[in-house]
Amino acid sequence: MSVEELTPQERRALFRVVRGEPTDEELAALTVVLAAAASAGGAKEQPVRDRWSDPTAQFRRPIQVGPDAWRTAFWPR
């Protein structure tokens, strides 16, 4: 069957059965599985970490104390 022979409802469908006669329960189960797979995207999302709880902040150099030290606190060394 070509694309031209499909009805508008069949063109909008996410999937179609090409062989066999599944029951309503089997189609419902297939729909749930495909929807879950599509929403998962195949990968887990990582939680967004704010700068306050970022563990890489522990690796920074200590801030130097002295006059005008605030000016050079973020300069690369």
Protein backbone atom coordinates (compact mmCIF):
# COMPACT_ATOMS: atom_id res chain seq x y z
CA MET A 1 0.00 0.00 0.00
CA SER A 2 1.44 3.36 -1.00
CA VAL A 3 1.12 6.65 0.83
CA GLU A 4 -1.41 7.94 -1.70
CA GLU A 5 -3.80 5.07 -0.87
CA LEU A 6 -3.89 5.86 2.88
CA THR A 7 -6.83 7.70 4.40
CA PRO A 8 -6.19 10.91 6.40
CA GLN A 9 -6.76 8.98 9.64
CA GLU A 10 -4.21 6.36 8.61
CA ARG A 11 -1.65 9.05 7.75
CA ARG A 12 -2.00 10.60 11.22
CA ALA A 13 -1.61 7.25 13.02
CA LEU A 14 1.62 6.66 14.90
CA PHE A 15 1.68 3.02 13.85
CA ARG A 16 -0.49 0.59 11.94
CA VAL A 17 -1.01 -3.15 11.92
CA VAL A 18 0.03 -4.68 8.63
CA ARG A 19 -0.47 -8.34 9.50
CA GLY A 20 -2.73 -10.18 11.93
CA GLU A 21 -5.76 -9.09 13.91
CA PRO A 22 -4.75 -7.88 17.37
CA THR A 23 -7.34 -7.46 20.09
CA ASP A 24 -8.13 -4.09 21.64
CA GLU A 25 -6.10 -5.08 24.72
CA GLU A 26 -3.06 -5.96 22.60
CA LEU A 27 -3.26 -2.64 20.74
CA ALA A 28 -3.59 -0.79 24.04
CA ALA A 29 -0.51 -2.57 25.43
CA LEU A 30 1.48 -1.77 22.30
CA THR A 31 0.42 1.87 22.48
CA VAL A 32 1.56 2.13 26.10
CA VAL A 33 4.94 0.57 25.33
CA LEU A 34 5.57 2.83 22.33
CA ALA A 35 4.49 5.95 24.25
CA ALA A 36 6.80 5.06 27.16
CA ALA A 37 9.70 4.46 24.81
CA ALA A 38 9.09 7.76 23.03
CA SER A 39 8.85 9.76 26.25
CA ALA A 40 12.00 8.17 27.69
CA GLY A 41 13.98 9.08 24.61
CA GLY A 42 16.37 6.21 25.23
CA ALA A 43 18.35 8.10 27.88
CA LYS A 44 17.79 9.26 31.42
CA GLU A 45 17.86 12.98 32.04
CA GLN A 46 20.50 14.22 34.42
CA PRO A 47 19.30 16.53 37.19
CA VAL A 48 20.33 20.14 36.81
CA ARG A 49 22.92 21.02 39.43
CA ASP A 50 23.19 24.58 40.64
CA ARG A 51 26.54 26.26 41.27
CA TRP A 52 26.15 26.14 45.06
CA SER A 53 26.07 22.34 45.17
CA ASP A 54 28.51 21.76 42.31
CA PRO A 55 31.30 19.47 43.59
CA THR A 56 33.84 20.97 41.19
CA ALA A 57 33.75 24.16 43.26
CA GLN A 58 35.80 22.30 45.89
CA PHE A 59 38.75 22.17 43.49
CA ARG A 60 39.18 25.91 43.09
CA ARG A 61 42.14 27.71 44.60
CA PRO A 62 41.66 29.56 47.88
CA ILE A 63 41.06 33.28 47.59
CA GLN A 64 44.16 35.35 48.34
CA VAL A 65 43.96 37.79 51.21
CA GLY A 66 45.28 41.31 50.89
CA PRO A 67 44.58 44.72 49.45
CA ASP A 68 42.68 44.58 46.16
CA ALA A 69 42.52 40.77 46.39
CA TRP A 70 38.89 40.86 45.31
CA ARG A 71 39.97 42.21 41.91
CA THR A 72 42.17 39.22 41.14
CA ALA A 73 40.07 36.52 42.78
CA PHE A 74 38.91 35.09 39.44
CA TRP A 75 41.98 35.73 37.32
CA PRO A 76 43.65 32.63 35.93
CA ARG A 77 46.97 31.84 37.58
